[in-house]
N, C-alpha and C. Protein backbone atom coordinates (compact mmCIF):
# COMPACT_ATOMS: atom_id res chain seq x y z
N MET A 1 -109.81 40.50 234.42
CA MET A 1 -110.37 39.34 233.40
C MET A 1 -111.01 40.22 232.29
N VAL A 2 -110.62 39.56 231.19
CA VAL A 2 -111.27 40.20 229.80
C VAL A 2 -112.51 39.06 229.59
N SER A 3 -113.58 40.04 229.06
CA SER A 3 -114.93 39.35 229.07
C SER A 3 -114.83 38.45 227.68
N ALA A 4 -115.62 37.45 227.90
CA ALA A 4 -115.71 36.41 226.88
C ALA A 4 -117.24 36.47 225.98
N ASP A 5 -118.03 37.45 226.36
CA ASP A 5 -119.38 37.79 225.85
C ASP A 5 -119.16 38.37 224.29
N VAL A 6 -120.27 37.85 223.75
CA VAL A 6 -120.24 38.49 222.16
C VAL A 6 -121.60 39.54 222.60
N VAL A 7 -121.03 40.89 222.05
CA VAL A 7 -122.25 41.90 222.12
C VAL A 7 -122.54 42.47 220.79
N GLU A 8 -123.90 42.64 220.55
CA GLU A 8 -124.00 42.99 219.21
C GLU A 8 -125.01 44.37 219.10
N TYR A 9 -124.52 45.25 218.55
CA TYR A 9 -125.09 46.55 218.62
C TYR A 9 -125.60 46.76 217.25
N ARG A 10 -127.09 47.18 217.28
CA ARG A 10 -127.89 47.64 216.19
C ARG A 10 -128.82 48.71 216.51
N PRO A 11 -129.04 49.83 215.90
CA PRO A 11 -129.71 50.88 216.74
C PRO A 11 -131.42 50.54 216.38
N ALA A 12 -132.03 50.89 217.37
CA ALA A 12 -133.50 50.71 217.57
C ALA A 12 -134.08 51.40 216.28
N PHE A 13 -133.82 52.28 216.10
CA PHE A 13 -134.65 53.34 214.76
C PHE A 13 -134.42 52.39 213.68
N GLY A 14 -133.41 52.11 213.05
CA GLY A 14 -133.29 50.98 212.11
C GLY A 14 -134.26 50.09 212.06
N ARG A 15 -134.24 49.26 213.08
CA ARG A 15 -135.00 47.93 213.14
C ARG A 15 -136.58 48.38 213.01
N VAL A 16 -136.98 49.55 213.74
CA VAL A 16 -138.40 49.99 213.71
C VAL A 16 -138.56 50.39 212.25
N LEU A 17 -137.86 50.96 211.71
CA LEU A 17 -138.21 51.31 210.14
C LEU A 17 -138.34 50.40 209.60
N ALA A 18 -137.41 49.23 209.57
CA ALA A 18 -137.45 48.25 208.76
C ALA A 18 -138.85 47.35 208.81
N VAL A 19 -138.93 47.31 210.19
CA VAL A 19 -140.83 46.41 210.19
C VAL A 19 -141.81 47.34 209.58
N VAL A 20 -141.87 48.68 210.11
CA VAL A 20 -142.83 49.55 209.54
C VAL A 20 -143.10 49.54 208.05
N VAL A 21 -141.74 49.73 207.25
CA VAL A 21 -141.76 49.44 205.77
C VAL A 21 -142.38 48.17 205.40
N ALA A 22 -141.83 47.18 206.08
CA ALA A 22 -142.20 45.69 205.73
C ALA A 22 -143.70 45.55 205.85
N VAL A 23 -144.24 46.08 207.12
CA VAL A 23 -145.64 45.48 207.12
C VAL A 23 -146.46 46.37 206.17
N LEU A 24 -146.01 48.01 206.01
CA LEU A 24 -146.86 48.73 205.04
C LEU A 24 -146.87 48.36 203.49
N GLY A 25 -145.49 47.82 203.39
CA GLY A 25 -145.13 47.20 201.81
C GLY A 25 -145.98 46.18 201.52
N LEU A 26 -145.77 45.02 202.28
CA LEU A 26 -146.26 43.66 202.43
C LEU A 26 -147.97 43.47 202.25
N GLY A 27 -148.32 44.28 203.44
CA GLY A 27 -149.60 44.24 203.31
C GLY A 27 -150.34 45.12 202.78
N GLY A 28 -149.98 45.79 202.10
CA GLY A 28 -150.51 46.78 200.79
C GLY A 28 -150.61 45.71 199.73
N LEU A 29 -149.39 45.09 199.35
CA LEU A 29 -149.41 44.21 198.22
C LEU A 29 -150.85 42.79 198.52
N VAL A 30 -150.68 42.34 199.66
CA VAL A 30 -151.74 41.52 199.94
C VAL A 30 -152.95 41.93 199.47
N THR A 31 -153.19 42.94 200.16
CA THR A 31 -154.57 43.79 200.10
C THR A 31 -154.92 44.05 198.52
N GLY A 32 -154.12 44.44 197.79
CA GLY A 32 -153.95 44.76 196.38
C GLY A 32 -154.28 43.45 195.51
N LEU A 33 -153.38 42.44 195.83
CA LEU A 33 -153.74 41.27 195.20
C LEU A 33 -155.03 40.65 195.61
N VAL A 34 -155.60 40.78 196.60
CA VAL A 34 -156.77 40.05 196.72
C VAL A 34 -157.94 40.85 196.22
N GLY A 35 -157.83 42.43 196.18
CA GLY A 35 -158.78 43.29 195.80
C GLY A 35 -158.77 43.11 194.20
N ASP A 36 -157.51 43.34 193.51
CA ASP A 36 -157.28 43.59 192.10
C ASP A 36 -156.06 42.94 191.66
N ALA A 37 -155.66 41.49 191.41
CA ALA A 37 -154.53 40.97 191.27
C ALA A 37 -153.92 41.56 190.21
N GLY A 38 -154.62 41.95 189.15
CA GLY A 38 -154.02 42.15 187.88
C GLY A 38 -153.32 43.60 187.64
N ALA A 39 -154.05 44.51 188.29
CA ALA A 39 -153.89 45.90 188.69
C ALA A 39 -152.67 46.09 189.56
N THR A 40 -152.28 45.04 190.55
CA THR A 40 -151.54 45.18 191.57
C THR A 40 -149.98 43.99 191.12
N TRP A 41 -150.18 43.04 190.49
CA TRP A 41 -148.96 42.43 190.20
C TRP A 41 -147.94 43.21 189.49
N PRO A 42 -147.85 44.20 188.87
CA PRO A 42 -146.72 45.22 188.37
C PRO A 42 -145.96 45.75 189.34
N TYR A 43 -146.60 45.75 190.45
CA TYR A 43 -145.78 46.57 191.50
C TYR A 43 -145.31 45.63 192.74
N VAL A 44 -145.60 44.45 192.47
CA VAL A 44 -144.91 43.28 193.39
C VAL A 44 -143.42 43.46 193.36
N ALA A 45 -142.58 43.24 192.31
CA ALA A 45 -141.24 43.41 192.43
C ALA A 45 -140.90 44.81 192.94
N PRO A 46 -141.30 45.81 192.40
CA PRO A 46 -140.70 47.57 193.20
C PRO A 46 -141.11 47.23 194.76
N VAL A 47 -142.04 47.03 195.27
CA VAL A 47 -142.41 47.03 196.48
C VAL A 47 -141.43 46.13 197.38
N VAL A 48 -141.46 44.70 196.77
CA VAL A 48 -140.36 43.78 197.45
C VAL A 48 -138.95 44.41 197.30
N LEU A 49 -138.48 44.78 196.45
CA LEU A 49 -137.35 45.70 196.13
C LEU A 49 -137.25 46.52 197.41
N VAL A 50 -138.02 47.63 197.38
CA VAL A 50 -137.70 48.49 198.76
C VAL A 50 -137.79 48.00 200.01
N VAL A 51 -138.75 46.90 200.43
CA VAL A 51 -138.45 46.11 201.57
C VAL A 51 -137.19 45.50 201.70
N LEU A 52 -136.52 45.07 200.91
CA LEU A 52 -135.37 44.27 200.91
C LEU A 52 -134.56 45.32 201.07
N TRP A 53 -134.35 46.40 200.50
CA TRP A 53 -133.23 47.37 200.61
C TRP A 53 -133.05 47.92 201.99
N VAL A 54 -134.46 48.29 202.57
CA VAL A 54 -134.64 48.81 203.73
C VAL A 54 -134.32 47.64 204.86
N TRP A 55 -134.48 46.28 204.57
CA TRP A 55 -133.79 45.45 205.54
C TRP A 55 -132.43 45.58 205.46
N ALA A 56 -131.79 45.53 204.39
CA ALA A 56 -130.37 45.29 204.18
C ALA A 56 -129.81 46.46 204.65
N ALA A 57 -130.35 47.86 204.59
CA ALA A 57 -129.70 48.93 205.06
C ALA A 57 -130.12 49.28 206.61
N TYR A 58 -131.09 48.94 207.32
CA TYR A 58 -131.42 49.29 208.44
C TYR A 58 -131.81 48.26 209.48
N TRP A 59 -131.90 47.01 209.11
CA TRP A 59 -132.33 45.86 210.01
C TRP A 59 -131.22 45.01 209.94
N ARG A 60 -130.51 44.44 209.38
CA ARG A 60 -129.19 43.85 209.17
C ARG A 60 -127.97 44.25 209.78
N PRO A 61 -127.55 45.66 209.41
CA PRO A 61 -126.43 46.22 209.80
C PRO A 61 -126.01 46.10 211.23
N ALA A 62 -124.89 45.90 211.60
CA ALA A 62 -124.75 45.63 213.19
C ALA A 62 -123.31 45.95 213.38
N VAL A 63 -122.56 46.12 214.57
CA VAL A 63 -121.54 46.09 215.16
C VAL A 63 -121.54 44.84 216.23
N LEU A 64 -120.37 43.85 215.98
CA LEU A 64 -120.31 42.67 217.04
C LEU A 64 -119.15 42.65 217.38
N VAL A 65 -118.98 42.84 218.79
CA VAL A 65 -117.64 42.99 219.39
C VAL A 65 -117.50 41.44 220.46
N SER A 66 -116.48 40.90 220.11
CA SER A 66 -116.26 39.37 220.35
C SER A 66 -114.84 39.36 221.03
N PRO A 67 -114.75 38.27 221.69
CA PRO A 67 -113.13 37.96 222.16
C PRO A 67 -112.19 37.77 221.06
N ALA A 68 -112.86 37.79 219.81
CA ALA A 68 -111.57 37.49 218.84
C ALA A 68 -111.41 39.36 218.20
N GLY A 69 -112.33 40.08 218.21
CA GLY A 69 -112.23 41.35 217.68
C GLY A 69 -113.95 41.89 217.39
N VAL A 70 -113.64 42.80 216.42
CA VAL A 70 -115.02 43.46 216.04
C VAL A 70 -115.30 43.46 214.58
N GLU A 71 -116.64 42.85 214.60
CA GLU A 71 -116.92 42.71 213.23
C GLU A 71 -118.16 43.58 212.84
N LEU A 72 -117.80 44.21 211.65
CA LEU A 72 -118.73 45.34 211.29
C LEU A 72 -119.77 44.61 209.89
N ARG A 73 -120.72 44.62 210.21
CA ARG A 73 -121.89 43.74 209.58
C ARG A 73 -122.35 45.42 208.72
N ASN A 74 -121.99 45.55 207.42
CA ASN A 74 -122.45 46.71 206.87
C ASN A 74 -123.57 46.16 205.61
N VAL A 75 -123.98 47.28 204.84
CA VAL A 75 -125.01 46.78 203.46
C VAL A 75 -124.72 45.66 202.74
N THR A 76 -123.24 45.89 202.05
CA THR A 76 -122.94 44.98 201.08
C THR A 76 -122.00 43.96 201.49
N ARG A 77 -121.33 44.04 202.73
CA ARG A 77 -120.12 43.21 203.22
C ARG A 77 -120.22 43.19 204.62
N THR A 78 -119.39 42.33 205.01
CA THR A 78 -119.24 42.29 206.55
C THR A 78 -117.65 41.91 206.53
N ILE A 79 -117.00 42.88 207.37
CA ILE A 79 -115.82 43.09 207.42
C ILE A 79 -115.22 42.36 209.21
N GLU A 80 -114.22 41.67 209.41
CA GLU A 80 -113.72 41.16 210.50
C GLU A 80 -112.57 41.48 210.79
N LEU A 81 -112.26 42.50 211.77
CA LEU A 81 -111.11 43.12 212.34
C LEU A 81 -110.56 42.34 213.43
N PRO A 82 -109.48 41.88 213.70
CA PRO A 82 -109.14 41.16 215.00
C PRO A 82 -108.27 42.53 215.97
N TRP A 83 -108.79 42.06 217.16
CA TRP A 83 -108.15 43.15 218.23
C TRP A 83 -107.11 43.76 217.76
N PRO A 84 -105.51 42.76 217.55
CA PRO A 84 -104.34 43.42 217.53
C PRO A 84 -104.25 44.27 216.39
N THR A 85 -105.26 44.16 215.24
CA THR A 85 -105.00 45.25 214.03
C THR A 85 -105.72 46.51 214.59
N ILE A 86 -106.53 46.43 215.49
CA ILE A 86 -107.13 47.63 215.84
C ILE A 86 -106.46 48.93 216.41
N GLN A 87 -105.97 49.89 216.00
CA GLN A 87 -105.33 51.07 216.55
C GLN A 87 -105.71 52.57 217.10
N ARG A 88 -107.14 52.56 216.59
CA ARG A 88 -107.91 53.84 217.17
C ARG A 88 -109.22 53.66 216.77
N VAL A 89 -110.09 54.20 217.71
CA VAL A 89 -111.52 54.28 217.44
C VAL A 89 -112.03 55.66 217.30
N ASP A 90 -112.75 56.16 215.97
CA ASP A 90 -113.28 57.27 215.81
C ASP A 90 -114.47 57.34 215.57
N THR A 91 -115.15 58.47 215.73
CA THR A 91 -116.62 58.78 215.81
C THR A 91 -116.96 60.03 214.85
N ARG A 92 -116.06 60.41 214.16
CA ARG A 92 -116.47 61.97 213.60
C ARG A 92 -117.75 62.03 212.58
N TYR A 93 -117.93 61.06 211.54
CA TYR A 93 -118.79 60.76 210.98
C TYR A 93 -119.62 59.65 210.99
N ALA A 94 -118.93 58.57 211.55
CA ALA A 94 -119.63 57.29 212.17
C ALA A 94 -118.52 56.60 212.86
N LEU A 95 -118.93 55.85 213.47
CA LEU A 95 -118.11 54.74 214.30
C LEU A 95 -117.05 54.42 213.34
N THR A 96 -115.84 54.45 213.18
CA THR A 96 -114.81 54.26 212.52
C THR A 96 -113.47 53.50 213.23
N LEU A 97 -113.19 52.42 212.91
CA LEU A 97 -112.08 51.65 213.14
C LEU A 97 -110.65 51.97 212.37
N HIS A 98 -109.77 52.75 213.11
CA HIS A 98 -108.56 52.86 212.45
C HIS A 98 -107.78 51.60 212.58
N THR A 99 -107.28 50.82 211.59
CA THR A 99 -106.57 49.45 211.72
C THR A 99 -105.11 49.36 210.93
N ALA A 100 -104.69 48.37 211.26
CA ALA A 100 -103.49 48.09 210.22
C ALA A 100 -103.71 47.59 208.72
N TYR A 101 -104.97 47.33 208.40
CA TYR A 101 -105.33 47.34 207.46
C TYR A 101 -106.09 48.55 206.58
N GLY A 102 -106.31 49.50 207.33
CA GLY A 102 -107.07 50.67 206.72
C GLY A 102 -107.78 51.17 207.83
N ASP A 103 -108.87 52.05 207.26
CA ASP A 103 -110.05 52.70 207.66
C ASP A 103 -111.46 52.22 207.49
N TYR A 104 -112.11 51.42 208.39
CA TYR A 104 -113.40 51.00 208.21
C TYR A 104 -114.47 51.65 209.18
N ALA A 105 -115.53 51.77 208.24
CA ALA A 105 -116.74 52.47 209.21
C ALA A 105 -117.85 51.76 209.35
N ALA A 106 -118.61 52.08 210.31
CA ALA A 106 -119.91 50.84 210.65
C ALA A 106 -121.13 51.60 210.28
N TRP A 107 -121.81 51.05 209.16
CA TRP A 107 -123.15 51.70 208.54
C TRP A 107 -123.98 51.78 209.85
N ALA A 108 -123.83 50.87 210.75
CA ALA A 108 -125.13 50.73 211.79
C ALA A 108 -124.72 51.64 212.75
N ALA A 109 -123.90 52.40 212.85
CA ALA A 109 -123.43 53.73 214.01
C ALA A 109 -123.05 54.92 213.52
N PRO A 110 -123.82 55.43 212.70
CA PRO A 110 -123.77 56.86 212.14
C PRO A 110 -123.53 58.06 213.29
N ALA A 111 -122.62 59.09 213.12
CA ALA A 111 -122.53 60.08 214.05
C ALA A 111 -123.89 60.90 214.43
N PRO A 112 -124.13 61.57 215.38
CA PRO A 112 -125.48 62.28 215.52
C PRO A 112 -125.35 63.65 214.67
N SER A 113 -126.90 64.09 214.61
CA SER A 113 -127.10 65.28 213.88
C SER A 113 -126.76 66.63 214.84
N ARG A 114 -126.68 67.70 214.30
CA ARG A 114 -126.55 68.63 214.97
C ARG A 114 -127.67 68.91 216.04
N ALA A 115 -128.88 68.86 215.40
CA ALA A 115 -130.10 68.91 216.42
C ALA A 115 -129.74 67.95 217.55
N ARG A 116 -129.24 66.99 217.53
CA ARG A 116 -129.25 65.74 218.76
C ARG A 116 -127.91 66.58 219.64
N VAL A 117 -126.76 67.00 218.92
CA VAL A 117 -125.87 67.34 219.78
C VAL A 117 -126.39 68.43 220.45
N ALA A 118 -126.80 69.40 219.86
CA ALA A 118 -127.38 70.71 220.70
C ALA A 118 -128.60 70.34 221.92
N THR A 119 -128.82 69.02 221.89
CA THR A 119 -129.60 68.81 223.00
C THR A 119 -129.24 67.92 224.10
N ALA A 120 -127.66 67.79 224.05
CA ALA A 120 -127.13 66.56 224.71
C ALA A 120 -127.05 67.05 226.07
N GLY A 121 -127.14 66.08 227.14
CA GLY A 121 -126.92 66.68 228.50
C GLY A 121 -125.81 66.00 229.05
N LYS A 122 -125.58 66.22 230.66
CA LYS A 122 -124.21 65.73 231.00
C LYS A 122 -124.24 64.00 231.11
N ASP A 123 -125.26 63.52 231.05
CA ASP A 123 -125.14 62.14 231.07
C ASP A 123 -124.41 61.61 229.95
N ASP A 124 -124.73 62.24 228.74
CA ASP A 124 -124.09 61.99 227.50
C ASP A 124 -122.48 61.80 227.43
N VAL A 125 -121.92 62.55 228.42
CA VAL A 125 -120.41 62.60 228.38
C VAL A 125 -119.68 62.12 229.72
N ALA A 126 -120.79 61.50 230.36
CA ALA A 126 -120.11 60.89 231.84
C ALA A 126 -120.08 59.76 231.87
N ASN A 127 -118.88 59.11 232.63
CA ASN A 127 -118.84 57.85 232.49
C ASN A 127 -118.32 56.86 231.50
N LEU A 128 -117.82 57.24 230.43
CA LEU A 128 -117.43 56.86 229.28
C LEU A 128 -116.03 56.04 229.47
N PRO A 129 -115.88 55.22 228.60
CA PRO A 129 -114.53 54.82 228.56
C PRO A 129 -113.04 55.65 228.60
N GLY A 130 -112.31 55.36 229.43
CA GLY A 130 -111.10 56.43 229.43
C GLY A 130 -110.62 56.82 227.92
N SER A 131 -110.53 55.90 227.14
CA SER A 131 -109.91 56.75 225.93
C SER A 131 -110.64 57.01 224.81
N THR A 132 -112.03 57.59 225.58
CA THR A 132 -112.91 58.21 224.82
C THR A 132 -112.46 59.68 225.01
N TYR A 133 -112.06 60.13 225.95
CA TYR A 133 -111.94 61.78 226.09
C TYR A 133 -110.58 62.12 225.52
N GLY A 134 -110.66 63.48 224.89
CA GLY A 134 -109.35 63.88 224.38
C GLY A 134 -108.78 65.20 225.59
N PRO A 135 -108.11 65.79 225.23
CA PRO A 135 -107.36 66.97 226.03
C PRO A 135 -108.32 67.52 226.58
N GLY A 136 -108.16 67.82 228.09
CA GLY A 136 -109.09 68.28 229.19
C GLY A 136 -110.25 67.71 229.11
N GLY A 137 -110.34 66.63 229.07
CA GLY A 137 -111.67 65.75 229.23
C GLY A 137 -112.59 66.07 228.27
N THR A 138 -112.36 66.51 227.05
CA THR A 138 -113.14 66.91 226.07
C THR A 138 -113.83 65.49 225.48
N VAL A 139 -114.95 65.72 224.68
CA VAL A 139 -115.51 64.70 223.97
C VAL A 139 -116.28 64.92 222.62
N ARG A 140 -115.87 64.51 221.59
CA ARG A 140 -116.32 64.63 220.54
C ARG A 140 -117.83 64.23 220.33
N PRO A 141 -118.71 64.93 219.41
CA PRO A 141 -120.20 64.68 219.26
C PRO A 141 -120.26 63.28 219.09
N GLY A 142 -119.52 62.88 218.21
CA GLY A 142 -119.94 61.55 218.07
C GLY A 142 -119.84 60.37 218.99
N ASP A 143 -119.02 60.75 220.04
CA ASP A 143 -119.18 59.89 221.18
C ASP A 143 -120.14 60.20 222.42
N LEU A 144 -121.11 61.04 221.90
CA LEU A 144 -121.95 61.24 223.07
C LEU A 144 -122.86 59.99 223.26
N ALA A 145 -122.86 59.62 224.43
CA ALA A 145 -123.39 58.23 224.79
C ALA A 145 -124.91 57.83 224.21
N SER A 146 -125.54 58.96 224.24
CA SER A 146 -127.01 58.63 223.44
C SER A 146 -127.04 58.48 221.99
N SER A 147 -126.01 58.89 221.47
CA SER A 147 -125.75 58.66 219.69
C SER A 147 -125.60 57.20 219.29
N ALA A 148 -125.84 56.75 218.11
CA ALA A 148 -125.51 55.73 217.59
C ALA A 148 -124.11 55.32 217.72
N SER A 149 -123.27 56.26 217.11
CA SER A 149 -121.69 56.02 216.81
C SER A 149 -121.23 56.06 218.46
N GLY A 150 -121.84 56.75 219.32
CA GLY A 150 -121.14 56.83 220.72
C GLY A 150 -121.53 55.48 221.52
N GLN A 151 -122.86 55.09 221.35
CA GLN A 151 -123.14 53.64 221.84
C GLN A 151 -122.15 52.64 221.33
N ALA A 152 -122.02 52.38 220.07
CA ALA A 152 -121.27 51.48 219.57
C ALA A 152 -119.78 51.58 220.09
N ALA A 153 -119.28 52.85 220.06
CA ALA A 153 -117.91 53.23 220.46
C ALA A 153 -117.50 52.94 221.74
N ILE A 154 -118.70 52.88 222.79
CA ILE A 154 -118.60 52.66 224.02
C ILE A 154 -118.38 51.03 224.00
N ILE A 155 -119.07 50.26 223.51
CA ILE A 155 -118.79 48.92 223.57
C ILE A 155 -117.33 48.40 223.12
N VAL A 156 -117.16 49.07 221.89
CA VAL A 156 -115.65 48.70 221.35
C VAL A 156 -114.83 49.21 222.38
N ARG A 157 -114.66 50.21 222.66
CA ARG A 157 -113.27 50.73 223.45
C ARG A 157 -113.58 50.05 224.91
N ALA A 158 -114.47 50.00 225.65
CA ALA A 158 -114.60 49.24 226.82
C ALA A 158 -114.03 47.68 226.84
N ARG A 159 -114.36 47.07 225.54
CA ARG A 159 -113.23 45.69 225.42
C ARG A 159 -112.15 45.82 225.25
N TRP A 160 -111.62 47.04 224.33
CA TRP A 160 -110.16 47.15 224.03
C TRP A 160 -109.35 47.77 225.14
N GLU A 161 -110.10 48.38 226.10
CA GLU A 161 -109.38 48.76 227.40
C GLU A 161 -109.19 47.29 228.27
N GLU A 162 -109.95 46.63 228.13
CA GLU A 162 -109.99 45.46 228.96
C GLU A 162 -108.59 44.63 228.34
N LEU A 163 -108.71 44.50 226.97
CA LEU A 163 -107.47 43.71 226.51
C LEU A 163 -106.25 44.28 226.54
N ARG A 164 -106.29 45.79 226.41
CA ARG A 164 -105.14 46.70 226.72
C ARG A 164 -104.41 46.32 227.92
N ASP A 165 -105.30 46.52 229.03
CA ASP A 165 -104.96 46.06 230.53
C ASP A 165 -104.37 45.00 230.76
N ALA A 166 -104.87 44.14 230.13
CA ALA A 166 -104.69 42.76 230.16
C ALA A 166 -103.31 42.25 229.74
N GLY A 167 -103.05 43.14 228.78
CA GLY A 167 -101.55 42.92 228.13
C GLY A 167 -101.70 42.23 226.89
N VAL A 168 -102.92 41.75 226.49
CA VAL A 168 -103.22 41.17 225.35
C VAL A 168 -102.43 41.82 223.95
N LEU A 169 -102.79 43.07 224.15
CA LEU A 169 -102.08 44.11 222.89
C LEU A 169 -100.78 44.55 222.87
N ASP A 170 -99.90 43.99 223.88
CA ASP A 170 -98.38 44.47 224.19
C ASP A 170 -97.79 44.12 222.89
N ASP A 171 -98.07 42.88 222.38
CA ASP A 171 -97.11 42.68 221.06
C ASP A 171 -98.04 42.16 219.68
N PRO A 172 -98.89 43.06 219.38
CA PRO A 172 -99.86 42.90 218.23
C PRO A 172 -98.99 42.32 216.90
N ARG A 173 -99.59 41.15 216.56
CA ARG A 173 -99.16 40.66 215.36
C ARG A 173 -100.10 40.31 214.35
N LEU A 174 -100.06 40.53 213.09
CA LEU A 174 -101.08 40.04 212.21
C LEU A 174 -101.02 39.02 211.69
N GLU A 175 -102.31 38.00 211.64
CA GLU A 175 -102.23 36.53 211.36
C GLU A 175 -102.53 36.46 209.78
N ARG A 176 -103.15 37.82 209.04
CA ARG A 176 -103.39 38.07 207.86
C ARG A 176 -102.87 39.26 207.01
N ALA A 177 -102.78 39.40 205.95
CA ALA A 177 -102.25 40.70 205.15
C ALA A 177 -103.62 41.35 205.08
N THR A 178 -104.76 41.04 204.83
CA THR A 178 -106.01 41.82 204.87
C THR A 178 -106.95 41.22 205.47
N PRO A 179 -108.17 42.09 205.77
CA PRO A 179 -108.84 41.55 206.65
C PRO A 179 -109.88 40.37 205.87
N ARG A 180 -110.69 40.03 206.74
CA ARG A 180 -111.58 38.61 206.09
C ARG A 180 -112.89 39.42 206.06
N VAL A 181 -113.24 39.48 204.70
CA VAL A 181 -114.58 39.82 204.16
C VAL A 181 -115.55 38.92 203.65
N ARG A 182 -116.78 39.24 204.03
CA ARG A 182 -117.70 38.44 203.31
C ARG A 182 -118.71 39.20 202.85
N TRP A 183 -118.80 39.18 201.48
CA TRP A 183 -119.64 40.01 200.77
C TRP A 183 -121.09 39.36 200.66
N HIS A 184 -122.29 40.07 200.77
CA HIS A 184 -123.68 39.70 200.98
C HIS A 184 -124.15 39.31 199.59
N ALA A 185 -123.61 38.41 198.58
CA ALA A 185 -123.80 38.13 197.71
C ALA A 185 -125.30 37.65 197.36
N GLY A 186 -125.99 36.89 198.07
CA GLY A 186 -127.35 36.47 197.88
C GLY A 186 -128.37 37.90 198.15
N THR A 187 -127.81 38.73 199.02
CA THR A 187 -128.71 39.97 198.89
C THR A 187 -128.63 40.86 197.58
N LEU A 188 -127.25 41.18 197.34
CA LEU A 188 -126.87 41.76 195.94
C LEU A 188 -127.48 40.97 194.69
N ALA A 189 -127.57 39.77 194.83
CA ALA A 189 -128.17 39.10 193.69
C ALA A 189 -129.56 39.34 193.61
N ALA A 190 -130.26 39.21 194.73
CA ALA A 190 -131.79 39.32 194.90
C ALA A 190 -132.05 40.95 194.40
N ILE A 191 -131.30 41.59 195.00
CA ILE A 191 -131.77 43.10 194.71
C ILE A 191 -131.72 43.42 193.14
N ALA A 192 -130.48 42.97 192.42
CA ALA A 192 -130.26 43.01 191.08
C ALA A 192 -131.53 42.30 190.10
N VAL A 193 -131.87 41.08 190.95
CA VAL A 193 -132.92 40.50 189.97
C VAL A 193 -134.37 41.35 190.17
N LEU A 194 -134.47 41.74 191.47
CA LEU A 194 -135.69 42.61 191.72
C LEU A 194 -135.71 43.93 190.77
N ILE A 195 -134.68 44.61 190.68
CA ILE A 195 -134.44 45.75 189.74
C ILE A 195 -134.81 45.49 188.36
N ALA A 196 -134.42 44.31 187.73
CA ALA A 196 -134.46 43.70 186.44
C ALA A 196 -136.17 43.94 186.44
N ALA A 197 -136.81 43.14 187.22
CA ALA A 197 -137.76 42.60 187.47
C ALA A 197 -138.84 43.65 187.42
N SER A 198 -138.39 44.79 188.05
CA SER A 198 -139.21 45.85 188.27
C SER A 198 -139.19 47.00 186.95
N VAL A 199 -138.17 46.95 186.55
CA VAL A 199 -138.31 47.56 185.12
C VAL A 199 -139.01 46.95 183.93
N LEU A 200 -138.93 45.57 184.02
CA LEU A 200 -139.79 45.10 182.98
C LEU A 200 -141.30 45.19 183.46
N THR A 201 -141.51 44.72 184.48
CA THR A 201 -143.22 44.71 185.11
C THR A 201 -143.75 46.29 184.74
N VAL A 202 -143.01 47.17 185.19
CA VAL A 202 -143.73 48.41 185.01
C VAL A 202 -143.75 49.15 183.54
N ALA A 203 -142.65 48.45 182.75
CA ALA A 203 -142.52 48.68 181.36
C ALA A 203 -143.64 48.32 180.64
N LEU A 204 -143.91 47.21 181.07
CA LEU A 204 -145.24 46.15 180.47
C LEU A 204 -146.49 46.83 180.76
């Protein structure tokens, strides 16, 4: 039986970083405006710009796995990849889905650093989805269960294997010539406005 659950993966580090930056930035602005509004006002736009960018780059990005496919919510756009289009899952630099449409990487799931790989233990390579393992049971560094790329890959591969074993992927057909892409127009417009406002207020 194939799961009907929708699973969202977002790394905890990114969310913590976004919260810390928002608290420090906005808290500093409030304190400054209360103490000396005239001196603080020119820095409102730059600080809000930084907070917005960190939110867009570290809070919002995610990998969503659903019965329909995998959705990669990146910084500037969200890409919808139906299961029949997904051919292979890679984690060399980040979780990357090789599809009939091309290759798409997940901003929310980068591969681990060399330092993290050096401290990996046996639990990092145990009980992973079968399609994770290479010749001789080898596992790539990006597939380590404690890494962002590895955690996201586990979710994607587990669901992909369920669909494969159920025969859903036996005769893959593309409903669209290109993937459905949603650009984050509101965020991009807000960033552009804040950049312009930052230049004007600091210059003045």
